[in-house]
């Protein structure tokens, strides 16, 4: 079920330009992503034992659904109710109603006392203002003892954006994200690397994307 951070409260549509930007983007088309899992997440977690997972910036639910299909109990959090409604509908068709909780809320202000075996933050990049570093720092607190934090992002802007006229995208490296998190001795870095991925531009032309992958584990 899609819900706000307080299930009894209406969703705050005045969270700032980020809400307007993403709602407009999702409302402009029936689906803006493929619906598939992010490749870096699938490869990195392929052999991981399932548990509880918090998917930050879940969008239309591709990652949450993939994880739920593999036995994870997922909480999918995103700013856009439109995006989450699509994910929820897809999950229902797949028989995953009981495996995913959908929460519409601003990642910058949302919080929880719950901890998860995995917290995933994939491609938290936004043309609208987003305190990505602040969100990731909060995410550290939501990882249970022995749990994992996975951060996947653009290690460099997509090759077609240079000519787009858009504001330059902030693309920290995995090592820069690690420095931002400023983790103590209770954490172990399992991965901090950049991977090439074959993709396509919005015009359908082949392109190579560079994904930063950071995986850290809290001591048990």
Protein backbone atom coordinates (compact mmCIF):
# COMPACT_ATOMS: atom_id res chain seq x y z
CA UNK A 1 0.00 0.00 0.00
CA UNK A 2 1.29 3.46 -0.85
CA UNK A 3 1.42 5.66 2.22
CA UNK A 4 2.94 8.87 3.49
CA UNK A 5 5.53 8.84 6.27
CA UNK A 6 2.56 9.22 8.61
CA UNK A 7 -0.13 6.90 7.21
CA UNK A 8 -2.88 9.05 8.73
CA UNK A 9 -1.62 12.30 7.20
CA UNK A 10 -1.99 13.61 3.64
CA UNK A 11 1.10 13.70 1.47
CA UNK A 12 2.75 17.11 1.64
CA UNK A 13 2.74 18.46 -1.91
CA UNK A 14 4.72 21.53 -0.86
CA UNK A 15 8.03 19.86 -0.16
CA UNK A 16 9.76 22.10 -2.67
CA UNK A 17 10.84 21.98 -6.26
CA UNK A 18 11.90 18.34 -6.06
CA UNK A 19 8.31 17.16 -5.62
CA UNK A 20 7.04 19.26 -8.53
CA UNK A 21 9.94 18.18 -10.74
CA UNK A 22 9.55 14.44 -10.17
CA UNK A 23 5.75 14.39 -10.21
CA UNK A 24 5.77 16.25 -13.51
CA UNK A 25 8.40 13.89 -14.90
CA UNK A 26 6.54 10.74 -13.88
CA UNK A 27 3.15 12.10 -14.92
CA UNK A 28 4.39 12.96 -18.41
CA UNK A 29 4.64 9.30 -19.45
CA UNK A 30 3.21 5.91 -18.57
CA UNK A 31 6.63 4.80 -17.35
CA UNK A 32 9.98 6.54 -17.49
CA UNK A 33 12.21 3.63 -16.45
CA UNK A 34 12.47 0.11 -17.85
CA UNK A 35 10.91 -1.55 -14.81
CA UNK A 36 14.01 -3.74 -14.53
CA UNK A 37 16.38 -3.96 -11.60
CA UNK A 38 19.51 -1.79 -11.65
CA UNK A 39 22.31 -3.93 -13.02
CA UNK A 40 24.84 -2.97 -10.34
CA UNK A 41 22.41 -3.89 -7.54
CA UNK A 42 21.54 -7.24 -9.13
CA UNK A 43 25.18 -8.21 -9.66
CA UNK A 44 26.31 -7.04 -6.22
CA UNK A 45 23.51 -8.72 -4.27
CA UNK A 46 23.01 -11.86 -6.37
CA UNK A 47 24.32 -14.20 -3.65
CA UNK A 48 23.18 -12.22 -0.61
CA UNK A 49 20.82 -13.94 1.82
CA UNK A 50 17.46 -12.12 1.90
CA UNK A 51 16.26 -10.12 4.88
CA UNK A 52 14.71 -6.69 5.31
CA UNK A 53 15.59 -3.91 2.86
CA UNK A 54 14.95 -0.18 2.64
CA UNK A 55 15.03 1.08 -0.96
CA UNK A 56 15.70 4.83 -0.97
CA UNK A 57 14.53 6.63 -4.11
CA UNK A 58 12.61 3.55 -5.22
CA UNK A 59 10.99 5.24 -8.22
CA UNK A 60 8.71 2.84 -10.11
CA UNK A 61 9.87 -0.06 -7.97
CA UNK A 62 12.17 -2.09 -10.22
CA UNK A 63 14.73 -2.80 -7.50
CA UNK A 64 12.19 -3.41 -4.72
CA UNK A 65 10.25 -5.88 -6.88
CA UNK A 66 13.42 -7.75 -7.89
CA UNK A 67 14.46 -8.02 -4.25
CA UNK A 68 10.98 -9.13 -3.12
CA UNK A 69 10.99 -11.84 -5.78
CA UNK A 70 14.12 -13.19 -4.11
CA UNK A 71 12.66 -13.29 -0.63
CA UNK A 72 13.44 -9.83 0.70
CA UNK A 73 10.87 -7.92 2.75
CA UNK A 74 11.10 -4.49 1.16
CA UNK A 75 10.21 -0.94 2.13
CA UNK A 76 10.18 1.27 -0.98
CA UNK A 77 10.52 5.00 -0.30
CA UNK A 78 10.20 7.74 -2.89
CA UNK A 79 9.06 11.34 -3.18
CA UNK A 80 6.63 10.62 -6.03
CA UNK A 81 3.26 8.97 -5.31
CA UNK A 82 2.78 8.54 -9.07
CA UNK A 83 5.95 6.48 -9.38
CA UNK A 84 5.15 4.37 -6.34
CA UNK A 85 1.59 3.68 -7.55
CA UNK A 86 3.06 2.16 -10.70
CA UNK A 87 5.43 0.03 -8.68
CA UNK A 88 2.66 -1.07 -6.35
CA UNK A 89 0.47 -2.08 -9.31
CA UNK A 90 3.31 -4.10 -10.83
CA UNK A 91 4.01 -5.78 -7.49
CA UNK A 92 0.33 -6.68 -7.13
CA UNK A 93 0.34 -8.29 -10.57
CA UNK A 94 3.40 -10.29 -9.51
CA UNK A 95 1.72 -11.48 -6.30
CA UNK A 96 4.07 -9.48 -4.06
CA UNK A 97 1.46 -7.43 -2.15
CA UNK A 98 2.67 -8.66 1.23
CA UNK A 99 6.37 -8.32 0.43
CA UNK A 100 6.67 -4.57 -0.22
CA UNK A 101 5.56 -1.52 1.76
CA UNK A 102 5.35 1.65 -0.36
CA UNK A 103 5.99 4.98 1.37
CA UNK A 104 5.61 8.36 -0.35
CA UNK A 105 7.76 10.87 1.53
CA UNK A 106 10.59 13.37 1.14
CA UNK A 107 13.86 11.50 1.61
CA UNK A 108 15.41 14.62 3.13
CA UNK A 109 12.95 14.82 6.04
CA UNK A 110 11.74 11.22 6.46
CA UNK A 111 13.13 9.16 9.30
CA UNK A 112 12.47 5.87 11.07
CA UNK A 113 13.52 4.00 14.20
CA UNK A 114 13.55 0.75 12.25
CA UNK A 115 16.78 -0.84 11.07
CA UNK A 116 17.23 -3.01 8.01
CA UNK A 117 19.53 -5.80 6.85
CA UNK A 118 20.12 -3.78 3.68
CA UNK A 119 19.70 -0.10 2.84
CA UNK A 120 19.96 0.59 -0.87
CA UNK A 121 20.37 4.00 -2.49
CA UNK A 122 20.62 3.73 -6.27
CA UNK A 123 21.03 6.77 -8.50
CA UNK A 124 20.01 9.47 -6.05
CA UNK A 125 20.68 12.18 -8.61
CA UNK A 126 18.19 14.96 -9.24
CA UNK A 127 17.98 18.05 -11.45
CA UNK A 128 15.87 19.53 -8.66
CA UNK A 129 17.59 20.30 -5.38
CA UNK A 130 18.41 17.22 -3.29
CA UNK A 131 20.66 16.92 -0.24
CA UNK A 132 22.06 13.59 -1.38
CA UNK A 133 24.90 13.64 1.15
CA UNK A 134 22.46 14.31 3.98
CA UNK A 135 20.22 11.42 2.90
CA UNK A 136 23.16 9.01 2.77
CA UNK A 137 24.41 10.09 6.19
CA UNK A 138 20.96 9.38 7.67
CA UNK A 139 20.86 6.03 5.88
CA UNK A 140 23.84 4.84 7.92
CA UNK A 141 21.64 4.87 11.03
CA UNK A 142 19.05 2.60 9.40
CA UNK A 143 21.46 -0.29 8.81
CA UNK A 144 21.10 -3.10 11.36
CA UNK A 145 24.15 -4.72 12.99
CA UNK A 146 25.69 -7.00 10.40
CA UNK A 147 23.73 -5.22 7.67
CA UNK A 148 24.77 -3.61 4.41
CA UNK A 149 24.58 -0.16 2.87
CA UNK A 150 24.70 -0.13 -0.94
CA UNK A 151 25.18 3.16 -2.81
CA UNK A 152 25.09 3.10 -6.61
CA UNK A 153 25.38 6.26 -8.67
CA UNK A 154 26.68 7.89 -11.80
CA UNK A 155 30.46 8.07 -11.47
CA UNK A 156 30.38 10.64 -14.27
CA UNK A 157 27.52 12.36 -16.09
CA UNK A 158 25.83 10.39 -18.90
CA UNK A 159 27.72 11.17 -22.13
CA UNK A 160 24.76 12.87 -23.80
CA UNK A 161 24.18 15.44 -21.05
CA UNK A 162 27.05 17.74 -22.09
CA UNK A 163 24.97 19.02 -25.01
CA UNK A 164 21.64 19.02 -23.18
CA UNK A 165 21.97 22.46 -21.58
CA UNK A 166 21.01 21.03 -18.18
CA UNK A 167 22.74 22.05 -14.96
CA UNK A 168 25.83 19.83 -14.48
CA UNK A 169 25.05 16.66 -12.53
CA UNK A 170 26.90 16.03 -9.26
CA UNK A 171 28.60 12.64 -9.63
CA UNK A 172 30.72 11.79 -6.58
CA UNK A 173 33.01 8.78 -6.87
CA UNK A 174 32.52 5.81 -4.51
CA UNK A 175 35.56 7.00 -2.55
CA UNK A 176 34.08 10.48 -2.25
CA UNK A 177 30.82 8.98 -1.00
CA UNK A 178 32.82 6.98 1.52
CA UNK A 179 34.50 10.16 2.74
CA UNK A 180 31.10 11.84 3.02
CA UNK A 181 29.76 9.00 5.17
CA UNK A 182 32.75 9.31 7.53
CA UNK A 183 32.16 5.82 8.95
CA UNK A 184 33.78 4.69 12.19
CA UNK A 185 35.68 1.50 12.96
CA UNK A 186 32.43 -0.47 13.20
CA UNK A 187 32.16 -0.48 9.40
CA UNK A 188 34.00 -2.48 6.74
CA UNK A 189 34.24 -1.39 3.10
CA UNK A 190 33.47 -4.38 0.88
CA UNK A 191 33.35 -2.58 -2.48
CA UNK A 192 34.30 0.86 -3.74
CA UNK A 193 34.67 0.68 -7.50
CA UNK A 194 33.53 2.05 -10.85
CA UNK A 195 31.93 -0.26 -13.42
CA UNK A 196 31.19 0.29 -17.10
CA UNK A 197 27.66 -0.49 -18.27
CA UNK A 198 26.31 -0.67 -21.79
CA UNK A 199 23.26 1.53 -22.22
CA UNK A 200 21.46 3.77 -24.70
CA UNK A 201 20.98 7.51 -24.93
CA UNK A 202 17.46 9.02 -24.97
CA UNK A 203 17.84 9.07 -28.77
CA UNK A 204 18.48 5.32 -28.81
CA UNK A 205 22.20 5.51 -29.54
CA UNK A 206 24.57 3.05 -27.79
CA UNK A 207 26.41 4.57 -24.84
CA UNK A 208 28.74 3.47 -22.06
CA UNK A 209 27.70 4.53 -18.57
CA UNK A 210 30.07 4.53 -15.61
CA UNK A 211 28.46 3.41 -12.36
CA UNK A 212 30.03 3.97 -8.96
CA UNK A 213 29.35 1.11 -6.53
CA UNK A 214 29.94 1.41 -2.80
CA UNK A 215 29.08 -1.47 -0.44
CA UNK A 216 29.81 -1.21 3.27
CA UNK A 217 28.88 -3.45 6.18
CA UNK A 218 28.18 -2.61 9.81
CA UNK A 219 29.80 -4.92 12.35
CA UNK A 220 27.45 -7.53 13.78
